[in-house]
Amino acid sequence: MTERKLQLTGIDPVQLLGFNDAHLQLIEDQFDATVSVRGDQVTLRGAQQDVAKVEKIFKELIFILNKNGNL
């Protein structure tokens, strides 16, 4: 099992995770990884390959939010 942490500094968690965590649920349904969000920190846990893919997805979503202000 692998664990990775991401910081959401300057990111609105609701925009990233979606209304009622809709974006988060889509991600968790597709990968064998769990995502925990506490304040401005996202913790990813699961199989190494899945955690790496989920981390990449979150980094891309964060990039889009920083660039466009929304998803």
PDB file of N, CA and C in Angstrom:
ATOM      1  N   MET A   1       0.847  -1.183   0.000  1.00  0.00           N
ATOM      2  CA  MET A   1       0.000   0.000   0.000  1.00  0.00           C
ATOM      3  C   MET A   1       0.885   1.236   0.000  1.00  0.00           C
ATOM      4  N   THR A   2       0.479   2.195  -0.794  1.00  0.00           N
ATOM      5  CA  THR A   2       1.213   3.447  -0.945  1.00  0.00           C
ATOM      6  C   THR A   2       0.365   4.595  -0.427  1.00  0.00           C
ATOM      7  N   GLU A   3       1.042   5.615   0.114  1.00  0.00           N
ATOM      8  CA  GLU A   3       0.347   6.817   0.571  1.00  0.00           C
ATOM      9  C   GLU A   3       1.070   8.030   0.018  1.00  0.00           C
ATOM     10  N   ARG A   4       0.310   8.959  -0.528  1.00  0.00           N
ATOM     11  CA  ARG A   4       0.854  10.224  -1.029  1.00  0.00           C
ATOM     12  C   ARG A   4      -0.018  11.357  -0.519  1.00  0.00           C
ATOM     13  N   LYS A   5       0.595  12.521  -0.331  1.00  0.00           N
ATOM     14  CA  LYS A   5      -0.141  13.692   0.146  1.00  0.00           C
ATOM     15  C   LYS A   5       0.054  14.841  -0.831  1.00  0.00           C
ATOM     16  N   LEU A   6      -1.028  15.575  -1.060  1.00  0.00           N
ATOM     17  CA  LEU A   6      -1.006  16.757  -1.916  1.00  0.00           C
ATOM     18  C   LEU A   6      -1.533  17.949  -1.130  1.00  0.00           C
ATOM     19  N   GLN A   7      -0.941  19.113  -1.350  1.00  0.00           N
ATOM     20  CA  GLN A   7      -1.406  20.344  -0.716  1.00  0.00           C
ATOM     21  C   GLN A   7      -2.317  21.090  -1.682  1.00  0.00           C
ATOM     22  N   LEU A   8      -3.399  21.636  -1.169  1.00  0.00           N
ATOM     23  CA  LEU A   8      -4.359  22.388  -1.976  1.00  0.00           C
ATOM     24  C   LEU A   8      -4.272  23.878  -1.696  1.00  0.00           C
ATOM     25  N   THR A   9      -3.105  24.391  -1.493  1.00  0.00           N
ATOM     26  CA  THR A   9      -2.929  25.799  -1.179  1.00  0.00           C
ATOM     27  C   THR A   9      -3.520  26.667  -2.287  1.00  0.00           C
ATOM     28  N   GLY A  10      -4.460  27.513  -1.902  1.00  0.00           N
ATOM     29  CA  GLY A  10      -5.089  28.426  -2.850  1.00  0.00           C
ATOM     30  C   GLY A  10      -6.160  27.797  -3.723  1.00  0.00           C
ATOM     31  N   ILE A  11      -6.542  26.562  -3.428  1.00  0.00           N
ATOM     32  CA  ILE A  11      -7.557  25.853  -4.216  1.00  0.00           C
ATOM     33  C   ILE A  11      -8.811  25.691  -3.374  1.00  0.00           C
ATOM     34  N   ASP A  12      -9.960  25.995  -3.962  1.00  0.00           N
ATOM     35  CA  ASP A  12     -11.236  25.773  -3.288  1.00  0.00           C
ATOM     36  C   ASP A  12     -11.572  24.285  -3.385  1.00  0.00           C
ATOM     37  N   PRO A  13     -11.609  23.572  -2.249  1.00  0.00           N
ATOM     38  CA  PRO A  13     -11.882  22.132  -2.284  1.00  0.00           C
ATOM     39  C   PRO A  13     -13.203  21.779  -2.961  1.00  0.00           C
ATOM     40  N   VAL A  14     -14.219  22.632  -2.836  1.00  0.00           N
ATOM     41  CA  VAL A  14     -15.512  22.341  -3.464  1.00  0.00           C
ATOM     42  C   VAL A  14     -15.368  22.337  -4.989  1.00  0.00           C
ATOM     43  N   GLN A  15     -14.609  23.271  -5.527  1.00  0.00           N
ATOM     44  CA  GLN A  15     -14.394  23.289  -6.978  1.00  0.00           C
ATOM     45  C   GLN A  15     -13.618  22.061  -7.426  1.00  0.00           C
ATOM     46  N   LEU A  16     -12.625  21.659  -6.655  1.00  0.00           N
ATOM     47  CA  LEU A  16     -11.803  20.508  -7.017  1.00  0.00           C
ATOM     48  C   LEU A  16     -12.573  19.201  -6.890  1.00  0.00           C
ATOM     49  N   LEU A  17     -13.266  19.024  -5.776  1.00  0.00           N
ATOM     50  CA  LEU A  17     -13.929  17.750  -5.490  1.00  0.00           C
ATOM     51  C   LEU A  17     -15.326  17.661  -6.085  1.00  0.00           C
ATOM     52  N   GLY A  18     -15.900  18.802  -6.446  1.00  0.00           N
ATOM     53  CA  GLY A  18     -17.237  18.820  -7.022  1.00  0.00           C
ATOM     54  C   GLY A  18     -18.303  18.968  -5.959  1.00  0.00           C
ATOM     55  N   PHE A  19     -19.486  19.410  -6.396  1.00  0.00           N
ATOM     56  CA  PHE A  19     -20.628  19.544  -5.493  1.00  0.00           C
ATOM     57  C   PHE A  19     -20.967  18.166  -4.943  1.00  0.00           C
ATOM     58  N   ASN A  20     -21.109  18.078  -3.623  1.00  0.00           N
ATOM     59  CA  ASN A  20     -21.343  16.794  -2.938  1.00  0.00           C
ATOM     60  C   ASN A  20     -20.283  15.757  -3.298  1.00  0.00           C
ATOM     61  N   ASP A  21     -19.057  16.215  -3.523  1.00  0.00           N
ATOM     62  CA  ASP A  21     -17.916  15.345  -3.848  1.00  0.00           C
ATOM     63  C   ASP A  21     -18.123  14.524  -5.120  1.00  0.00           C
ATOM     64  N   ALA A  22     -18.853  15.064  -6.073  1.00  0.00           N
ATOM     65  CA  ALA A  22     -19.157  14.331  -7.312  1.00  0.00           C
ATOM     66  C   ALA A  22     -17.892  13.950  -8.083  1.00  0.00           C
ATOM     67  N   HIS A  23     -16.932  14.876  -8.213  1.00  0.00           N
ATOM     68  CA  HIS A  23     -15.690  14.567  -8.927  1.00  0.00           C
ATOM     69  C   HIS A  23     -14.898  13.509  -8.163  1.00  0.00           C
ATOM     70  N   LEU A  24     -14.863  13.652  -6.853  1.00  0.00           N
ATOM     71  CA  LEU A  24     -14.144  12.695  -6.011  1.00  0.00           C
ATOM     72  C   LEU A  24     -14.721  11.292  -6.168  1.00  0.00           C
ATOM     73  N   GLN A  25     -16.040  11.170  -6.172  1.00  0.00           N
ATOM     74  CA  GLN A  25     -16.680   9.856  -6.318  1.00  0.00           C
ATOM     75  C   GLN A  25     -16.348   9.221  -7.666  1.00  0.00           C
ATOM     76  N   LEU A  26     -16.326  10.017  -8.725  1.00  0.00           N
ATOM     77  CA  LEU A  26     -15.965   9.490 -10.045  1.00  0.00           C
ATOM     78  C   LEU A  26     -14.557   8.912 -10.035  1.00  0.00           C
ATOM     79  N   ILE A  27     -13.640   9.620  -9.403  1.00  0.00           N
ATOM     80  CA  ILE A  27     -12.249   9.160  -9.339  1.00  0.00           C
ATOM     81  C   ILE A  27     -12.148   7.890  -8.502  1.00  0.00           C
ATOM     82  N   GLU A  28     -12.752   7.897  -7.315  1.00  0.00           N
ATOM     83  CA  GLU A  28     -12.664   6.726  -6.436  1.00  0.00           C
ATOM     84  C   GLU A  28     -13.332   5.500  -7.056  1.00  0.00           C
ATOM     85  N   ASP A  29     -14.381   5.697  -7.836  1.00  0.00           N
ATOM     86  CA  ASP A  29     -15.065   4.561  -8.470  1.00  0.00           C
ATOM     87  C   ASP A  29     -14.209   3.892  -9.544  1.00  0.00           C
ATOM     88  N   GLN A  30     -13.271   4.630 -10.118  1.00  0.00           N
ATOM     89  CA  GLN A  30     -12.462   4.103 -11.221  1.00  0.00           C
ATOM     90  C   GLN A  30     -11.136   3.487 -10.786  1.00  0.00           C
ATOM     91  N   PHE A  31     -10.701   3.768  -9.561  1.00  0.00           N
ATOM     92  CA  PHE A  31      -9.382   3.311  -9.118  1.00  0.00           C
ATOM     93  C   PHE A  31      -9.467   2.655  -7.751  1.00  0.00           C
ATOM     94  N   ASP A  32      -8.520   1.762  -7.496  1.00  0.00           N
ATOM     95  CA  ASP A  32      -8.429   1.084  -6.205  1.00  0.00           C
ATOM     96  C   ASP A  32      -7.599   1.952  -5.261  1.00  0.00           C
ATOM     97  N   ALA A  33      -8.142   3.112  -4.940  1.00  0.00           N
ATOM     98  CA  ALA A  33      -7.462   4.055  -4.058  1.00  0.00           C
ATOM     99  C   ALA A  33      -8.516   4.822  -3.274  1.00  0.00           C
ATOM    100  N   THR A  34      -8.151   5.194  -2.055  1.00  0.00           N
ATOM    101  CA  THR A  34      -9.042   6.027  -1.257  1.00  0.00           C
ATOM    102  C   THR A  34      -8.449   7.427  -1.183  1.00  0.00           C
ATOM    103  N   VAL A  35      -9.330   8.406  -1.138  1.00  0.00           N
ATOM    104  CA  VAL A  35      -8.926   9.802  -1.091  1.00  0.00           C
ATOM    105  C   VAL A  35      -9.541  10.421   0.150  1.00  0.00           C
ATOM    106  N   SER A  36      -8.688  10.986   1.005  1.00  0.00           N
ATOM    107  CA  SER A  36      -9.153  11.681   2.208  1.00  0.00           C
ATOM    108  C   SER A  36      -8.751  13.141   2.095  1.00  0.00           C
ATOM    109  N   VAL A  37      -9.674  14.023   2.429  1.00  0.00           N
ATOM    110  CA  VAL A  37      -9.394  15.457   2.363  1.00  0.00           C
ATOM    111  C   VAL A  37      -9.609  16.051   3.740  1.00  0.00           C
ATOM    112  N   ARG A  38      -8.575  16.710   4.249  1.00  0.00           N
ATOM    113  CA  ARG A  38      -8.637  17.405   5.532  1.00  0.00           C
ATOM    114  C   ARG A  38      -8.073  18.800   5.320  1.00  0.00           C
ATOM    115  N   GLY A  39      -8.945  19.776   5.369  1.00  0.00           N
ATOM    116  CA  GLY A  39      -8.491  21.151   5.153  1.00  0.00           C
ATOM    117  C   GLY A  39      -7.920  21.312   3.760  1.00  0.00           C
ATOM    118  N   ASP A  40      -6.644  21.703   3.680  1.00  0.00           N
ATOM    119  CA  ASP A  40      -6.015  21.898   2.374  1.00  0.00           C
ATOM    120  C   ASP A  40      -5.076  20.752   2.002  1.00  0.00           C
ATOM    121  N   GLN A  41      -5.278  19.585   2.616  1.00  0.00           N
ATOM    122  CA  GLN A  41      -4.423  18.431   2.334  1.00  0.00           C
ATOM    123  C   GLN A  41      -5.248  17.247   1.834  1.00  0.00           C
ATOM    124  N   VAL A  42      -4.793  16.655   0.728  1.00  0.00           N
ATOM    125  CA  VAL A  42      -5.419  15.461   0.162  1.00  0.00           C
ATOM    126  C   VAL A  42      -4.467  14.296   0.391  1.00  0.00           C
ATOM    127  N   THR A  43      -4.980  13.212   0.968  1.00  0.00           N
ATOM    128  CA  THR A  43      -4.186  12.012   1.186  1.00  0.00           C
ATOM    129  C   THR A  43      -4.731  10.906   0.297  1.00  0.00           C
ATOM    130  N   LEU A  44      -3.836  10.298  -0.465  1.00  0.00           N
ATOM    131  CA  LEU A  44      -4.185   9.207  -1.368  1.00  0.00           C
ATOM    132  C   LEU A  44      -3.586   7.924  -0.824  1.00  0.00           C
ATOM    133  N   ARG A  45      -4.388   6.862  -0.757  1.00  0.00           N
ATOM    134  CA  ARG A  45      -3.906   5.573  -0.262  1.00  0.00           C
ATOM    135  C   ARG A  45      -4.415   4.468  -1.173  1.00  0.00           C
ATOM    136  N   GLY A  46      -3.547   3.486  -1.423  1.00  0.00           N
ATOM    137  CA  GLY A  46      -3.968   2.344  -2.227  1.00  0.00           C
ATOM    138  C   GLY A  46      -2.795   1.703  -2.925  1.00  0.00           C
ATOM    139  N   ALA A  47      -3.113   0.915  -3.942  1.00  0.00           N
ATOM    140  CA  ALA A  47      -2.083   0.260  -4.740  1.00  0.00           C
ATOM    141  C   ALA A  47      -1.222   1.327  -5.414  1.00  0.00           C
ATOM    142  N   GLN A  48       0.081   1.077  -5.484  1.00  0.00           N
ATOM    143  CA  GLN A  48       1.019   2.071  -5.985  1.00  0.00           C
ATOM    144  C   GLN A  48       0.625   2.611  -7.360  1.00  0.00           C
ATOM    145  N   GLN A  49       0.250   1.734  -8.267  1.00  0.00           N
ATOM    146  CA  GLN A  49      -0.106   2.155  -9.619  1.00  0.00           C
ATOM    147  C   GLN A  49      -1.351   3.044  -9.615  1.00  0.00           C
ATOM    148  N   ASP A  50      -2.352   2.676  -8.823  1.00  0.00           N
ATOM    149  CA  ASP A  50      -3.578   3.470  -8.763  1.00  0.00           C
ATOM    150  C   ASP A  50      -3.340   4.816  -8.092  1.00  0.00           C
ATOM    151  N   VAL A  51      -2.557   4.827  -7.025  1.00  0.00           N
ATOM    152  CA  VAL A  51      -2.250   6.085  -6.337  1.00  0.00           C
ATOM    153  C   VAL A  51      -1.516   7.029  -7.286  1.00  0.00           C
ATOM    154  N   ALA A  52      -0.594   6.501  -8.067  1.00  0.00           N
ATOM    155  CA  ALA A  52       0.143   7.333  -9.024  1.00  0.00           C
ATOM    156  C   ALA A  52      -0.803   7.940 -10.062  1.00  0.00           C
ATOM    157  N   LYS A  53      -1.760   7.154 -10.549  1.00  0.00           N
ATOM    158  CA  LYS A  53      -2.720   7.656 -11.539  1.00  0.00           C
ATOM    159  C   LYS A  53      -3.638   8.714 -10.934  1.00  0.00           C
ATOM    160  N   VAL A  54      -4.127   8.459  -9.719  1.00  0.00           N
ATOM    161  CA  VAL A  54      -5.012   9.419  -9.050  1.00  0.00           C
ATOM    162  C   VAL A  54      -4.253  10.709  -8.739  1.00  0.00           C
ATOM    163  N   GLU A  55      -3.001  10.582  -8.323  1.00  0.00           N
ATOM    164  CA  GLU A  55      -2.182  11.764  -8.057  1.00  0.00           C
ATOM    165  C   GLU A  55      -2.037  12.601  -9.332  1.00  0.00           C
ATOM    166  N   LYS A  56      -1.793  11.950 -10.455  1.00  0.00           N
ATOM    167  CA  LYS A  56      -1.663  12.666 -11.725  1.00  0.00           C
ATOM    168  C   LYS A  56      -2.965  13.383 -12.079  1.00  0.00           C
ATOM    169  N   ILE A  57      -4.093  12.714 -11.879  1.00  0.00           N
ATOM    170  CA  ILE A  57      -5.396  13.328 -12.158  1.00  0.00           C
ATOM    171  C   ILE A  57      -5.593  14.575 -11.300  1.00  0.00           C
ATOM    172  N   PHE A  58      -5.307  14.457  -9.991  1.00  0.00           N
ATOM    173  CA  PHE A  58      -5.474  15.610  -9.104  1.00  0.00           C
ATOM    174  C   PHE A  58      -4.549  16.750  -9.506  1.00  0.00           C
ATOM    175  N   LYS A  59      -3.313  16.446  -9.864  1.00  0.00           N
ATOM    176  CA  LYS A  59      -2.380  17.497 -10.273  1.00  0.00           C
ATOM    177  C   LYS A  59      -2.871  18.194 -11.536  1.00  0.00           C
ATOM    178  N   GLU A  60      -3.443  17.433 -12.459  1.00  0.00           N
ATOM    179  CA  GLU A  60      -3.983  18.040 -13.678  1.00  0.00           C
ATOM    180  C   GLU A  60      -5.207  18.901 -13.375  1.00  0.00           C
ATOM    181  N   LEU A  61      -6.079  18.419 -12.489  1.00  0.00           N
ATOM    182  CA  LEU A  61      -7.251  19.212 -12.097  1.00  0.00           C
ATOM    183  C   LEU A  61      -6.830  20.505 -11.399  1.00  0.00           C
ATOM    184  N   ILE A  62      -5.829  20.421 -10.532  1.00  0.00           N
ATOM    185  CA  ILE A  62      -5.318  21.607  -9.833  1.00  0.00           C
ATOM    186  C   ILE A  62      -4.733  22.595 -10.841  1.00  0.00           C
ATOM    187  N   PHE A  63      -3.999  22.086 -11.823  1.00  0.00           N
ATOM    188  CA  PHE A  63      -3.439  22.947 -12.868  1.00  0.00           C
ATOM    189  C   PHE A  63      -4.555  23.693 -13.603  1.00  0.00           C
ATOM    190  N   ILE A  64      -5.609  22.961 -13.973  1.00  0.00           N
ATOM    191  CA  ILE A  64      -6.741  23.574 -14.683  1.00  0.00           C
ATOM    192  C   ILE A  64      -7.413  24.634 -13.810  1.00  0.00           C
ATOM    193  N   LEU A  65      -7.614  24.322 -12.524  1.00  0.00           N
ATOM    194  CA  LEU A  65      -8.227  25.301 -11.614  1.00  0.00           C
ATOM    195  C   LEU A  65      -7.367  26.550 -11.488  1.00  0.00           C
ATOM    196  N   ASN A  66      -6.063  26.377 -11.368  1.00  0.00           N
ATOM    197  CA  ASN A  66      -5.168  27.530 -11.251  1.00  0.00           C
ATOM    198  C   ASN A  66      -5.165  28.364 -12.529  1.00  0.00           C
ATOM    199  N   LYS A  67      -5.278  27.707 -13.662  1.00  0.00           N
ATOM    200  CA  LYS A  67      -5.230  28.408 -14.946  1.00  0.00           C
ATOM    201  C   LYS A  67      -6.557  29.082 -15.289  1.00  0.00           C
ATOM    202  N   ASN A  68      -7.672  28.351 -15.108  1.00  0.00           N
ATOM    203  CA  ASN A  68      -8.979  28.838 -15.554  1.00  0.00           C
ATOM    204  C   ASN A  68      -9.887  29.352 -14.442  1.00  0.00           C
ATOM    205  N   GLY A  69      -9.612  28.970 -13.212  1.00  0.00           N
ATOM    206  CA  GLY A  69     -10.470  29.383 -12.105  1.00  0.00           C
ATOM    207  C   GLY A  69     -11.644  28.458 -11.865  1.00  0.00           C
ATOM    208  N   ASN A  70     -11.874  27.511 -12.779  1.00  0.00           N
ATOM    209  CA  ASN A  70     -12.930  26.505 -12.598  1.00  0.00           C
ATOM    210  C   ASN A  70     -12.620  25.295 -13.478  1.00  0.00           C
ATOM    211  N   LEU A  71     -13.395  24.237 -13.269  1.00  0.00           N
ATOM    212  CA  LEU A  71     -13.171  23.027 -14.079  1.00  0.00           C
ATOM    213  C   LEU A  71     -14.107  23.007 -15.249  1.00  0.00           C
TER     214      LEU A  71
END
